[in-house]
C-alpha atoms as a PDB file:
ATOM      1  CA  MET A   1     -16.920 -41.074 -50.010  1.00  0.00           C
ATOM      2  CA  SER A   2     -13.212 -41.251 -49.470  1.00  0.00           C
ATOM      3  CA  GLY A   3     -11.226 -39.530 -46.783  1.00  0.00           C
ATOM      4  CA  VAL A   4      -9.645 -39.828 -43.402  1.00  0.00           C
ATOM      5  CA  ARG A   5     -12.045 -40.280 -40.509  1.00  0.00           C
ATOM      6  CA  PHE A   6     -11.019 -39.746 -36.927  1.00  0.00           C
ATOM      7  CA  GLY A   7     -12.803 -41.467 -34.068  1.00  0.00           C
ATOM      8  CA  ILE A   8     -12.902 -40.880 -30.352  1.00  0.00           C
ATOM      9  CA  TRP A   9      -9.882 -43.134 -29.779  1.00  0.00           C
ATOM     10  CA  ASP A  10      -7.837 -41.193 -32.302  1.00  0.00           C
ATOM     11  CA  LEU A  11      -8.683 -38.010 -30.415  1.00  0.00           C
ATOM     12  CA  ALA A  12      -7.785 -39.670 -27.096  1.00  0.00           C
ATOM     13  CA  ALA A  13      -4.442 -40.851 -28.503  1.00  0.00           C
ATOM     14  CA  ALA A  14      -3.685 -37.391 -29.903  1.00  0.00           C
ATOM     15  CA  LEU A  15      -4.475 -35.784 -26.530  1.00  0.00           C
ATOM     16  CA  TYR A  16      -2.284 -38.332 -24.753  1.00  0.00           C
ATOM     17  CA  VAL A  17       0.658 -37.676 -27.061  1.00  0.00           C
ATOM     18  CA  ALA A  18       0.159 -33.912 -26.755  1.00  0.00           C
ATOM     19  CA  GLY A  19       0.152 -34.249 -22.959  1.00  0.00           C
ATOM     20  CA  VAL A  20       3.341 -36.298 -23.001  1.00  0.00           C
ATOM     21  CA  VAL A  21       5.135 -33.797 -25.222  1.00  0.00           C
ATOM     22  CA  TRP A  22       3.833 -30.848 -23.179  1.00  0.00           C
ATOM     23  CA  GLY A  23       4.979 -32.536 -19.958  1.00  0.00           C
ATOM     24  CA  LEU A  24       8.445 -33.200 -21.312  1.00  0.00           C
ATOM     25  CA  PHE A  25       8.998 -29.542 -22.127  1.00  0.00           C
ATOM     26  CA  VAL A  26       7.158 -27.742 -19.314  1.00  0.00           C
ATOM     27  CA  ILE A  27       8.075 -29.697 -16.164  1.00  0.00           C
ATOM     28  CA  ASP A  28      11.108 -28.332 -14.352  1.00  0.00           C
ATOM     29  CA  ALA A  29      12.710 -31.565 -13.136  1.00  0.00           C
ATOM     30  CA  LYS A  30      15.382 -34.110 -13.898  1.00  0.00           C
ATOM     31  CA  PRO A  31      14.958 -35.988 -17.201  1.00  0.00           C
ATOM     32  CA  THR A  32      13.885 -39.239 -15.494  1.00  0.00           C
ATOM     33  CA  THR A  33      11.216 -37.447 -13.484  1.00  0.00           C
ATOM     34  CA  LYS A  34      10.027 -35.630 -16.616  1.00  0.00           C
ATOM     35  CA  ILE A  35       9.568 -38.899 -18.482  1.00  0.00           C
ATOM     36  CA  VAL A  36       7.746 -40.637 -15.610  1.00  0.00           C
ATOM     37  CA  LEU A  37       5.370 -37.702 -15.056  1.00  0.00           C
ATOM     38  CA  ALA A  38       4.737 -37.229 -18.769  1.00  0.00           C
ATOM     39  CA  LEU A  39       3.820 -40.897 -19.210  1.00  0.00           C
ATOM     40  CA  ALA A  40       1.693 -41.043 -16.035  1.00  0.00           C
ATOM     41  CA  TRP A  41      -0.402 -37.885 -16.566  1.00  0.00           C
ATOM     42  CA  PRO A  42      -3.620 -39.732 -17.632  1.00  0.00           C
ATOM     43  CA  VAL A  43      -3.977 -41.143 -14.103  1.00  0.00           C
ATOM     44  CA  GLY A  44      -5.798 -37.932 -13.074  1.00  0.00           C
ATOM     45  CA  PRO A  45      -8.623 -38.175 -15.637  1.00  0.00           C
ATOM     46  CA  MET A  46      -8.967 -41.909 -14.985  1.00  0.00           C
ATOM     47  CA  ALA A  47      -9.269 -41.253 -11.232  1.00  0.00           C
ATOM     48  CA  PHE A  48     -11.928 -38.638 -12.005  1.00  0.00           C
ATOM     49  CA  ALA A  49     -13.918 -41.168 -14.057  1.00  0.00           C
ATOM     50  CA  VAL A  50     -13.676 -43.804 -11.308  1.00  0.00           C
ATOM     51  CA  THR A  51     -14.782 -41.264  -8.677  1.00  0.00           C
ATOM     52  CA  LEU A  52     -17.817 -40.266 -10.737  1.00  0.00           C
ATOM     53  CA  THR A  53     -18.732 -43.923 -11.229  1.00  0.00           C
ATOM     54  CA  ILE A  54     -18.573 -44.582  -7.483  1.00  0.00           C
ATOM     55  CA  LEU A  55     -20.633 -41.451  -6.743  1.00  0.00           C
ATOM     56  CA  LEU A  56     -23.287 -42.511  -9.274  1.00  0.00           C
ATOM     57  CA  ALA A  57     -23.458 -45.963  -7.667  1.00  0.00           C
ATOM     58  CA  ALA A  58     -23.782 -44.404  -4.198  1.00  0.00           C
ATOM     59  CA  ALA A  59     -26.495 -42.044  -5.459  1.00  0.00           C
ATOM     60  CA  LEU A  60     -28.409 -45.005  -6.843  1.00  0.00           C
ATOM     61  CA  ILE A  61     -28.429 -46.574  -3.373  1.00  0.00           C
ATOM     62  CA  ALA A  62     -28.937 -43.419  -1.273  1.00  0.00           C
ATOM     63  CA  PHE A  63     -31.411 -41.644  -3.556  1.00  0.00           C
ATOM     64  CA  PRO A  64     -32.928 -44.284  -5.838  1.00  0.00           C
ATOM     65  CA  VAL A  65     -34.996 -41.971  -8.061  1.00  0.00           C
ATOM     66  CA  LEU A  66     -32.307 -39.296  -8.516  1.00  0.00           C
ATOM     67  CA  GLY A  67     -29.607 -41.939  -8.811  1.00  0.00           C
ATOM     68  CA  LEU A  68     -31.568 -43.772 -11.478  1.00  0.00           C
ATOM     69  CA  ILE A  69     -32.095 -40.550 -13.429  1.00  0.00           C
ATOM     70  CA  ALA A  70     -28.375 -39.726 -13.228  1.00  0.00           C
ATOM     71  CA  LEU A  71     -27.461 -43.258 -14.278  1.00  0.00           C
ATOM     72  CA  VAL A  72     -29.795 -43.137 -17.286  1.00  0.00           C
ATOM     73  CA  VAL A  73     -28.447 -39.736 -18.346  1.00  0.00           C
ATOM     74  CA  ALA A  74     -24.825 -40.925 -17.982  1.00  0.00           C
ATOM     75  CA  ALA A  75     -25.513 -44.129 -19.927  1.00  0.00           C
ATOM     76  CA  ALA A  76     -27.315 -42.212 -22.681  1.00  0.00           C
ATOM     77  CA  TRP A  77     -24.426 -39.763 -22.927  1.00  0.00           C
ATOM     78  CA  LEU A  78     -21.885 -42.590 -23.158  1.00  0.00           C
ATOM     79  CA  PHE A  79     -23.801 -44.453 -25.843  1.00  0.00           C
ATOM     80  CA  VAL A  80     -24.527 -41.344 -27.902  1.00  0.00           C
ATOM     81  CA  MET A  81     -20.922 -40.166 -27.852  1.00  0.00           C
END
Protein backbone atom coordinates (compact mmCIF):
# COMPACT_ATOMS: atom_id res chain seq x y z
CA MET A 1 0.00 0.00 0.00
CA SER A 2 1.67 3.14 -1.19
CA GLY A 3 0.73 6.68 -0.33
CA VAL A 4 1.40 9.63 1.88
CA ARG A 5 0.59 9.14 5.54
CA PHE A 6 0.26 12.03 7.94
CA GLY A 7 0.85 11.61 11.65
CA ILE A 8 -0.01 13.70 14.66
CA TRP A 9 3.25 15.66 14.40
CA ASP A 10 2.54 16.53 10.78
CA LEU A 11 -0.84 17.88 11.86
CA ALA A 12 0.78 19.83 14.71
CA ALA A 13 3.35 21.33 12.33
CA ALA A 14 0.65 22.27 9.82
CA LEU A 15 -1.40 23.96 12.57
CA TYR A 16 1.69 25.82 13.78
CA VAL A 17 2.50 27.11 10.31
CA ALA A 18 -1.14 28.07 9.73
CA GLY A 19 -1.13 29.98 13.02
CA VAL A 20 2.06 31.81 12.10
CA VAL A 21 0.72 32.83 8.70
CA TRP A 22 -2.66 33.83 10.19
CA GLY A 23 -0.90 35.91 12.85
CA LEU A 24 1.26 37.70 10.31
CA PHE A 25 -1.76 38.85 8.33
CA VAL A 26 -4.38 39.48 11.04
CA ILE A 27 -2.47 41.26 13.82
CA ASP A 28 -2.57 45.04 13.57
CA ALA A 29 0.93 45.92 14.78
CA LYS A 30 4.41 46.81 13.63
CA PRO A 31 6.18 44.12 11.57
CA THR A 32 8.55 43.16 14.42
CA THR A 33 5.66 42.70 16.83
CA LYS A 34 3.75 40.67 14.23
CA ILE A 35 6.67 38.28 13.79
CA VAL A 36 7.26 37.84 17.54
CA LEU A 37 3.57 37.20 18.26
CA ALA A 38 3.16 34.87 15.29
CA LEU A 39 6.13 32.76 16.38
CA ALA A 40 5.13 32.73 20.07
CA TRP A 41 1.44 31.81 19.69
CA PRO A 42 1.85 28.13 20.79
CA VAL A 43 2.70 29.29 24.33
CA GLY A 44 -1.04 29.42 25.12
CA PRO A 45 -1.81 25.76 24.33
CA MET A 46 1.38 24.66 26.09
CA ALA A 47 0.37 26.63 29.20
CA PHE A 48 -3.05 24.96 29.03
CA ALA A 49 -1.43 21.51 28.93
CA VAL A 50 0.85 22.33 31.88
CA THR A 51 -2.12 23.67 33.89
CA LEU A 52 -4.13 20.50 33.26
CA THR A 53 -1.16 18.37 34.30
CA ILE A 54 -0.79 20.28 37.57
CA LEU A 55 -4.54 20.05 38.25
CA LEU A 56 -4.50 16.28 37.64
CA ALA A 57 -1.57 15.91 40.05
CA ALA A 58 -3.38 18.00 42.68
CA ALA A 59 -6.55 15.95 42.19
CA LEU A 60 -4.56 12.77 42.74
CA ILE A 61 -3.42 14.11 46.12
CA ALA A 62 -6.65 15.83 47.23
CA PHE A 63 -9.11 13.24 45.94
CA PRO A 64 -7.18 9.99 45.46
CA VAL A 65 -9.97 7.92 43.88
CA LEU A 66 -11.23 10.63 41.50
CA GLY A 67 -7.69 11.75 40.76
CA LEU A 68 -6.64 8.21 39.94
CA ILE A 69 -9.63 7.78 37.62
CA ALA A 70 -8.84 11.06 35.85
CA LEU A 71 -5.18 10.10 35.55
CA VAL A 72 -6.03 6.71 34.05
CA VAL A 73 -8.46 8.28 31.58
CA ALA A 74 -5.90 10.93 30.56
CA ALA A 75 -3.14 8.34 30.14
CA ALA A 76 -5.42 6.07 28.11
CA TRP A 77 -6.41 8.98 25.88
CA LEU A 78 -2.77 9.95 25.32
CA PHE A 79 -1.68 6.43 24.47
CA VAL A 80 -4.63 5.74 22.19
CA MET A 81 -4.20 8.97 20.24
